[in-house]
Amino acid sequence: MRIKNGFELREICGENVILSHGMDNIDFSKIISLNDTAAFLWKKASGKDFDEDKLVAALLETYDVEENTARQDVRQVIAKWKEIGLLEA
């Protein structure tokens, strides 16, 4: 899977948010806020093909976390991104 073109991660007022390119005026009802873990995963997935295992491995390499916890977090993030239409197969 891959993150769809046209979306980017930005930090605004200390918050990690996903914005759509080409927005003439920012519509704050369409901004997607990410916690630090989701923002980390976005950076790891951005611009390339990825799968659950690659993102889990990235968490395990960077954070002191158990594999089951990392996998659960990745699954939740991917499910949310799919739900709101940020991913393509």
C-alpha atoms as a PDB file:
ATOM      1  CA  MET A   1       0.000   0.000   0.000  1.00  0.00           C
ATOM      2  CA  ARG A   2       0.973   3.622  -0.380  1.00  0.00           C
ATOM      3  CA  ILE A   3      -0.058   7.022   0.938  1.00  0.00           C
ATOM      4  CA  LYS A   4      -2.022   8.832  -1.770  1.00  0.00           C
ATOM      5  CA  ASN A   5      -0.355  11.722  -3.537  1.00  0.00           C
ATOM      6  CA  GLY A   6      -1.447  15.155  -2.449  1.00  0.00           C
ATOM      7  CA  PHE A   7      -1.169  14.743   1.311  1.00  0.00           C
ATOM      8  CA  GLU A   8       1.657  15.932   3.510  1.00  0.00           C
ATOM      9  CA  LEU A   9       2.566  16.013   7.181  1.00  0.00           C
ATOM     10  CA  ARG A  10       3.106  19.439   8.703  1.00  0.00           C
ATOM     11  CA  GLU A  11       3.617  20.719  12.219  1.00  0.00           C
ATOM     12  CA  ILE A  12       1.212  23.543  13.024  1.00  0.00           C
ATOM     13  CA  CYS A  13       1.194  25.119  16.479  1.00  0.00           C
ATOM     14  CA  GLY A  14       3.010  22.091  17.881  1.00  0.00           C
ATOM     15  CA  GLU A  15       0.520  19.605  16.379  1.00  0.00           C
ATOM     16  CA  ASN A  16       1.282  17.028  13.669  1.00  0.00           C
ATOM     17  CA  VAL A  17      -1.362  17.409  10.962  1.00  0.00           C
ATOM     18  CA  ILE A  18      -1.987  16.041   7.496  1.00  0.00           C
ATOM     19  CA  LEU A  19      -2.894  18.643   4.893  1.00  0.00           C
ATOM     20  CA  SER A  20      -4.013  18.244   1.320  1.00  0.00           C
ATOM     21  CA  HIS A  21      -1.899  19.972  -1.338  1.00  0.00           C
ATOM     22  CA  GLY A  22      -3.656  22.600  -3.354  1.00  0.00           C
ATOM     23  CA  MET A  23      -5.854  23.904  -0.550  1.00  0.00           C
ATOM     24  CA  ASP A  24      -6.249  27.614  -1.328  1.00  0.00           C
ATOM     25  CA  ASN A  25      -7.671  28.327   2.093  1.00  0.00           C
ATOM     26  CA  ILE A  26      -7.114  26.021   5.032  1.00  0.00           C
ATOM     27  CA  ASP A  27     -10.361  24.384   6.099  1.00  0.00           C
ATOM     28  CA  PHE A  28      -9.629  23.296   9.669  1.00  0.00           C
ATOM     29  CA  SER A  29     -12.541  20.822   9.570  1.00  0.00           C
ATOM     30  CA  LYS A  30     -10.531  18.799   7.007  1.00  0.00           C
ATOM     31  CA  ILE A  31      -7.197  18.719   8.821  1.00  0.00           C
ATOM     32  CA  ILE A  32      -6.197  15.344  10.222  1.00  0.00           C
ATOM     33  CA  SER A  33      -4.275  15.454  13.497  1.00  0.00           C
ATOM     34  CA  LEU A  34      -1.710  12.733  14.241  1.00  0.00           C
ATOM     35  CA  ASN A  35      -0.169  11.760  17.550  1.00  0.00           C
ATOM     36  CA  ASP A  36       3.617  11.354  17.690  1.00  0.00           C
ATOM     37  CA  THR A  37       3.530   7.627  16.852  1.00  0.00           C
ATOM     38  CA  ALA A  38       1.235   8.115  13.854  1.00  0.00           C
ATOM     39  CA  ALA A  39       3.409  11.012  12.634  1.00  0.00           C
ATOM     40  CA  PHE A  40       6.509   8.802  12.937  1.00  0.00           C
ATOM     41  CA  LEU A  41       4.769   6.076  10.921  1.00  0.00           C
ATOM     42  CA  TRP A  42       3.636   8.620   8.306  1.00  0.00           C
ATOM     43  CA  LYS A  43       7.236   9.736   7.826  1.00  0.00           C
ATOM     44  CA  LYS A  44       8.373   6.123   7.440  1.00  0.00           C
ATOM     45  CA  ALA A  45       5.602   5.358   4.909  1.00  0.00           C
ATOM     46  CA  SER A  46       5.609   8.607   2.953  1.00  0.00           C
ATOM     47  CA  GLY A  47       6.707   8.379  -0.672  1.00  0.00           C
ATOM     48  CA  LYS A  48       7.126   4.617  -0.836  1.00  0.00           C
ATOM     49  CA  ASP A  49       5.288   1.319  -0.761  1.00  0.00           C
ATOM     50  CA  PHE A  50       4.879  -0.116   2.711  1.00  0.00           C
ATOM     51  CA  ASP A  51       3.104  -2.835   4.598  1.00  0.00           C
ATOM     52  CA  GLU A  52       2.284  -3.565   8.216  1.00  0.00           C
ATOM     53  CA  ASP A  53       5.511  -5.502   8.794  1.00  0.00           C
ATOM     54  CA  LYS A  54       7.725  -2.634   7.565  1.00  0.00           C
ATOM     55  CA  LEU A  55       6.047  -0.157   9.886  1.00  0.00           C
ATOM     56  CA  VAL A  56       6.187  -2.558  12.839  1.00  0.00           C
ATOM     57  CA  ALA A  57       9.920  -3.063  12.190  1.00  0.00           C
ATOM     58  CA  ALA A  58      10.430   0.723  12.138  1.00  0.00           C
ATOM     59  CA  LEU A  59       8.730   1.071  15.532  1.00  0.00           C
ATOM     60  CA  LEU A  60      10.762  -1.784  17.013  1.00  0.00           C
ATOM     61  CA  GLU A  61      14.037  -0.292  15.720  1.00  0.00           C
ATOM     62  CA  THR A  62      13.296   3.147  17.141  1.00  0.00           C
ATOM     63  CA  TYR A  63      11.255   2.645  20.308  1.00  0.00           C
ATOM     64  CA  ASP A  64      11.438   0.382  23.322  1.00  0.00           C
ATOM     65  CA  VAL A  65       8.136  -1.357  22.660  1.00  0.00           C
ATOM     66  CA  GLU A  66       6.961  -4.960  22.546  1.00  0.00           C
ATOM     67  CA  GLU A  67       6.189  -6.388  19.122  1.00  0.00           C
ATOM     68  CA  ASN A  68       2.530  -7.085  19.952  1.00  0.00           C
ATOM     69  CA  THR A  69       2.032  -3.483  21.070  1.00  0.00           C
ATOM     70  CA  ALA A  70       3.793  -2.138  17.977  1.00  0.00           C
ATOM     71  CA  ARG A  71       1.712  -4.354  15.684  1.00  0.00           C
ATOM     72  CA  GLN A  72      -1.529  -3.295  17.357  1.00  0.00           C
ATOM     73  CA  ASP A  73      -0.589   0.388  17.029  1.00  0.00           C
ATOM     74  CA  VAL A  74       0.339  -0.012  13.350  1.00  0.00           C
ATOM     75  CA  ARG A  75      -2.914  -1.851  12.595  1.00  0.00           C
ATOM     76  CA  GLN A  76      -4.948   0.915  14.226  1.00  0.00           C
ATOM     77  CA  VAL A  77      -3.122   3.648  12.325  1.00  0.00           C
ATOM     78  CA  ILE A  78      -3.415   1.858   8.967  1.00  0.00           C
ATOM     79  CA  ALA A  79      -7.111   1.160   9.570  1.00  0.00           C
ATOM     80  CA  LYS A  80      -7.757   4.833  10.338  1.00  0.00           C
ATOM     81  CA  TRP A  81      -5.800   6.004   7.293  1.00  0.00           C
ATOM     82  CA  LYS A  82      -7.827   3.611   5.107  1.00  0.00           C
ATOM     83  CA  GLU A  83     -11.081   4.764   6.688  1.00  0.00           C
ATOM     84  CA  ILE A  84     -10.434   8.405   5.873  1.00  0.00           C
ATOM     85  CA  GLY A  85      -9.087   7.705   2.389  1.00  0.00           C
ATOM     86  CA  LEU A  86      -5.380   8.453   2.751  1.00  0.00           C
ATOM     87  CA  LEU A  87      -4.131   5.141   1.298  1.00  0.00           C
ATOM     88  CA  GLU A  88      -4.146   3.446  -2.059  1.00  0.00           C
ATOM     89  CA  ALA A  89      -3.548  -0.240  -2.621  1.00  0.00           C
END
